[in-house]
Amino acid sequence: GTSSCFGDTAHQWLFLYQLEQLLAERKSADPETSYTAKLYASGTKRIAQKVGEEGVETALAATVHDRFELTNEASDLMYHLLVLLQDQDLDLTTVIENLRKRHQ
């Protein structure tokens, strides 16, 4: 094989799908031993609240130009958003397809 920046990018995006699968598996895990399972057990309202909190924290980190905090908060936001999508039985592929349609 040949080296390509596209291959590296595809591999990075693949991680999101793998994370999505892991989060789906955690729905049935023990809430005492898994933060993700505990989050699912707390219900949609709590998960949505976490998405909102992380969204605000992400925005605040951006306004003070703190790249380190922005990276951390954006990671937290994406994690909680993926949990919310899983909670609602909505997969990442559906969201990406919707974005693709909007772009056309």
Protein backbone atom coordinates (compact mmCIF):
# COMPACT_ATOMS: atom_id res chain seq x y z
CA GLY A 1 0.00 0.00 0.00
CA THR A 2 0.66 3.57 -0.52
CA SER A 3 0.50 6.19 2.16
CA SER A 4 -2.25 8.78 1.92
CA CYS A 5 -3.59 11.52 4.11
CA PHE A 6 -7.08 10.29 3.15
CA GLY A 7 -6.37 6.89 4.66
CA ASP A 8 -5.38 8.47 7.95
CA THR A 9 -8.50 10.63 7.96
CA ALA A 10 -10.74 7.66 7.20
CA HIS A 11 -9.15 5.77 10.08
CA GLN A 12 -9.85 8.66 12.45
CA TRP A 13 -13.50 8.82 11.38
CA LEU A 14 -13.77 5.06 11.77
CA PHE A 15 -13.06 5.57 15.47
CA LEU A 16 -16.35 7.48 15.83
CA TYR A 17 -18.26 4.51 14.44
CA GLN A 18 -16.38 2.17 16.77
CA LEU A 19 -17.18 4.46 19.69
CA GLU A 20 -20.82 4.50 18.62
CA GLN A 21 -20.88 0.69 18.72
CA LEU A 22 -19.23 0.65 22.14
CA LEU A 23 -21.77 3.14 23.47
CA ALA A 24 -24.60 0.95 22.17
CA GLU A 25 -23.11 -2.03 24.00
CA ARG A 26 -22.86 -0.01 27.20
CA LYS A 27 -26.64 0.45 27.27
CA SER A 28 -26.86 -2.98 28.87
CA ALA A 29 -23.81 -2.60 31.14
CA ASP A 30 -23.96 -2.20 34.90
CA PRO A 31 -24.55 1.46 35.85
CA GLU A 32 -22.45 0.86 38.96
CA THR A 33 -19.35 0.16 36.87
CA SER A 34 -19.93 2.17 33.68
CA TYR A 35 -20.42 5.95 33.48
CA THR A 36 -22.08 5.49 30.09
CA ALA A 37 -24.54 2.91 31.45
CA LYS A 38 -25.26 5.22 34.38
CA LEU A 39 -25.95 8.04 31.94
CA TYR A 40 -28.37 5.88 29.94
CA ALA A 41 -30.08 4.80 33.17
CA SER A 42 -30.53 8.44 34.19
CA GLY A 43 -32.79 8.99 31.17
CA THR A 44 -33.08 11.18 28.11
CA LYS A 45 -33.62 14.40 30.05
CA ARG A 46 -30.32 14.03 31.92
CA ILE A 47 -28.42 13.02 28.78
CA ALA A 48 -29.83 16.04 26.93
CA GLN A 49 -28.87 18.25 29.87
CA LYS A 50 -25.28 16.97 29.64
CA VAL A 51 -25.21 17.78 25.91
CA GLY A 52 -26.35 21.31 26.72
CA GLU A 53 -23.78 21.74 29.49
CA GLU A 54 -20.95 20.48 27.32
CA GLY A 55 -22.10 22.68 24.43
CA VAL A 56 -21.91 25.76 26.63
CA GLU A 57 -18.52 24.74 28.01
CA THR A 58 -17.25 24.21 24.45
CA ALA A 59 -18.48 27.64 23.39
CA LEU A 60 -16.93 29.31 26.44
CA ALA A 61 -13.56 27.64 25.81
CA ALA A 62 -13.67 28.98 22.25
CA THR A 63 -14.41 32.53 23.36
CA VAL A 64 -11.28 32.65 25.51
CA HIS A 65 -9.20 31.02 22.78
CA ASP A 66 -8.12 28.16 25.03
CA ARG A 67 -7.27 25.51 22.47
CA PHE A 68 -6.50 22.83 25.08
CA GLU A 69 -9.82 23.33 26.89
CA LEU A 70 -11.68 23.63 23.59
CA THR A 71 -10.32 20.25 22.51
CA ASN A 72 -11.33 18.67 25.82
CA GLU A 73 -14.79 20.23 25.88
CA ALA A 74 -15.44 19.41 22.22
CA SER A 75 -14.51 15.80 22.98
CA ASP A 76 -16.93 15.76 25.92
CA LEU A 77 -19.64 17.30 23.73
CA MET A 78 -19.18 14.72 20.97
CA TYR A 79 -19.23 11.86 23.48
CA HIS A 80 -22.44 13.07 25.11
CA LEU A 81 -24.03 13.79 21.73
CA LEU A 82 -23.27 10.24 20.60
CA VAL A 83 -24.83 8.93 23.83
CA LEU A 84 -27.94 11.04 23.18
CA LEU A 85 -28.18 9.80 19.60
CA GLN A 86 -27.89 6.19 20.80
CA ASP A 87 -30.51 6.86 23.47
CA GLN A 88 -32.85 8.01 20.71
CA ASP A 89 -31.96 5.09 18.40
CA LEU A 90 -30.45 7.50 15.89
CA ASP A 91 -27.13 6.50 14.40
CA LEU A 92 -24.25 8.65 13.25
CA THR A 93 -24.69 7.52 9.65
CA THR A 94 -28.18 9.04 9.56
CA VAL A 95 -26.85 12.36 10.84
CA ILE A 96 -23.99 12.33 8.33
CA GLU A 97 -26.37 11.54 5.47
CA ASN A 98 -28.56 14.45 6.56
CA LEU A 99 -25.53 16.76 6.54
CA ARG A 100 -24.59 15.47 3.10
CA LYS A 101 -28.09 16.23 1.75
CA ARG A 102 -27.94 19.74 3.17
CA HIS A 103 -24.61 20.31 1.47
CA GLN A 104 -25.87 19.42 -2.01
